[in-house]
C-alpha atoms as a PDB file:
ATOM      1  CA  MET A   1       0.000   0.000   0.000  1.00  0.00           C
ATOM      2  CA  ILE A   2       1.135   3.532  -0.755  1.00  0.00           C
ATOM      3  CA  GLU A   3      -0.405   6.441   1.115  1.00  0.00           C
ATOM      4  CA  VAL A   4       0.582  10.076   0.665  1.00  0.00           C
ATOM      5  CA  ARG A   5      -0.924  13.065   2.447  1.00  0.00           C
ATOM      6  CA  GLY A   6      -0.258  16.726   1.757  1.00  0.00           C
ATOM      7  CA  LEU A   7       2.567  16.251  -0.764  1.00  0.00           C
ATOM      8  CA  THR A   8       3.896  19.585  -2.042  1.00  0.00           C
ATOM      9  CA  ARG A   9       6.944  20.185  -4.273  1.00  0.00           C
ATOM     10  CA  TYR A  10       8.382  23.498  -5.449  1.00  0.00           C
ATOM     11  CA  TYR A  11      11.043  24.267  -8.045  1.00  0.00           C
ATOM     12  CA  GLY A  12      12.338  27.585  -6.804  1.00  0.00           C
ATOM     13  CA  HIS A  13       9.214  29.700  -6.309  1.00  0.00           C
ATOM     14  CA  HIS A  14       7.121  27.664  -8.760  1.00  0.00           C
ATOM     15  CA  PRO A  15       4.864  24.922  -7.356  1.00  0.00           C
ATOM     16  CA  ALA A  16       4.944  21.621  -9.274  1.00  0.00           C
ATOM     17  CA  VAL A  17       2.631  19.689  -6.931  1.00  0.00           C
ATOM     18  CA  ILE A  18       0.402  21.249  -4.276  1.00  0.00           C
ATOM     19  CA  ASP A  19      -1.213  19.339  -1.394  1.00  0.00           C
ATOM     20  CA  LEU A  20      -1.577  15.952  -3.141  1.00  0.00           C
ATOM     21  CA  SER A  21      -3.174  13.162  -1.121  1.00  0.00           C
ATOM     22  CA  VAL A  22      -3.594   9.656  -2.539  1.00  0.00           C
ATOM     23  CA  SER A  23      -4.028   6.123  -1.245  1.00  0.00           C
ATOM     24  CA  ILE A  24      -3.195   3.162  -3.506  1.00  0.00           C
ATOM     25  CA  SER A  25      -4.079  -0.314  -2.258  1.00  0.00           C
ATOM     26  CA  GLU A  26      -2.143  -3.498  -2.933  1.00  0.00           C
ATOM     27  CA  HIS A  27      -2.814  -4.917  -6.441  1.00  0.00           C
ATOM     28  CA  GLU A  28      -4.587  -1.694  -7.494  1.00  0.00           C
ATOM     29  CA  ILE A  29      -3.694  -0.314 -10.938  1.00  0.00           C
ATOM     30  CA  VAL A  30      -3.429   3.479 -11.109  1.00  0.00           C
ATOM     31  CA  GLY A  31      -2.785   5.935 -13.940  1.00  0.00           C
ATOM     32  CA  PHE A  32      -1.756   9.585 -13.762  1.00  0.00           C
ATOM     33  CA  LEU A  33      -3.408  11.788 -16.388  1.00  0.00           C
ATOM     34  CA  GLY A  34      -3.058  15.524 -16.885  1.00  0.00           C
ATOM     35  CA  LEU A  35      -1.842  18.371 -19.027  1.00  0.00           C
ATOM     36  CA  ASN A  36       1.825  19.089 -19.739  1.00  0.00           C
ATOM     37  CA  GLY A  37       3.441  20.600 -16.666  1.00  0.00           C
ATOM     38  CA  ALA A  38       0.743  19.344 -14.298  1.00  0.00           C
ATOM     39  CA  GLY A  39       3.233  17.527 -12.031  1.00  0.00           C
ATOM     40  CA  LYS A  40       2.730  13.891 -13.109  1.00  0.00           C
ATOM     41  CA  SER A  41       6.422  13.058 -13.572  1.00  0.00           C
ATOM     42  CA  THR A  42       7.404  15.008 -10.469  1.00  0.00           C
ATOM     43  CA  THR A  43       4.890  13.065  -8.382  1.00  0.00           C
ATOM     44  CA  LEU A  44       6.110   9.704  -9.663  1.00  0.00           C
ATOM     45  CA  LYS A  45       9.764  10.657  -9.085  1.00  0.00           C
ATOM     46  CA  ILE A  46       8.978  11.557  -5.474  1.00  0.00           C
ATOM     47  CA  LEU A  47       7.104   8.308  -4.895  1.00  0.00           C
END
């Protein structure tokens, strides 16, 4: 299980991810969708 609460990541003064909370259960399949620059890759790198 992966559980994240209140994840925030800045690059300098620019927020990449703001207050992300997610819970992923064992054997659950999850996808991250969003526009360019929305913080998908940043979130996965942190996890």
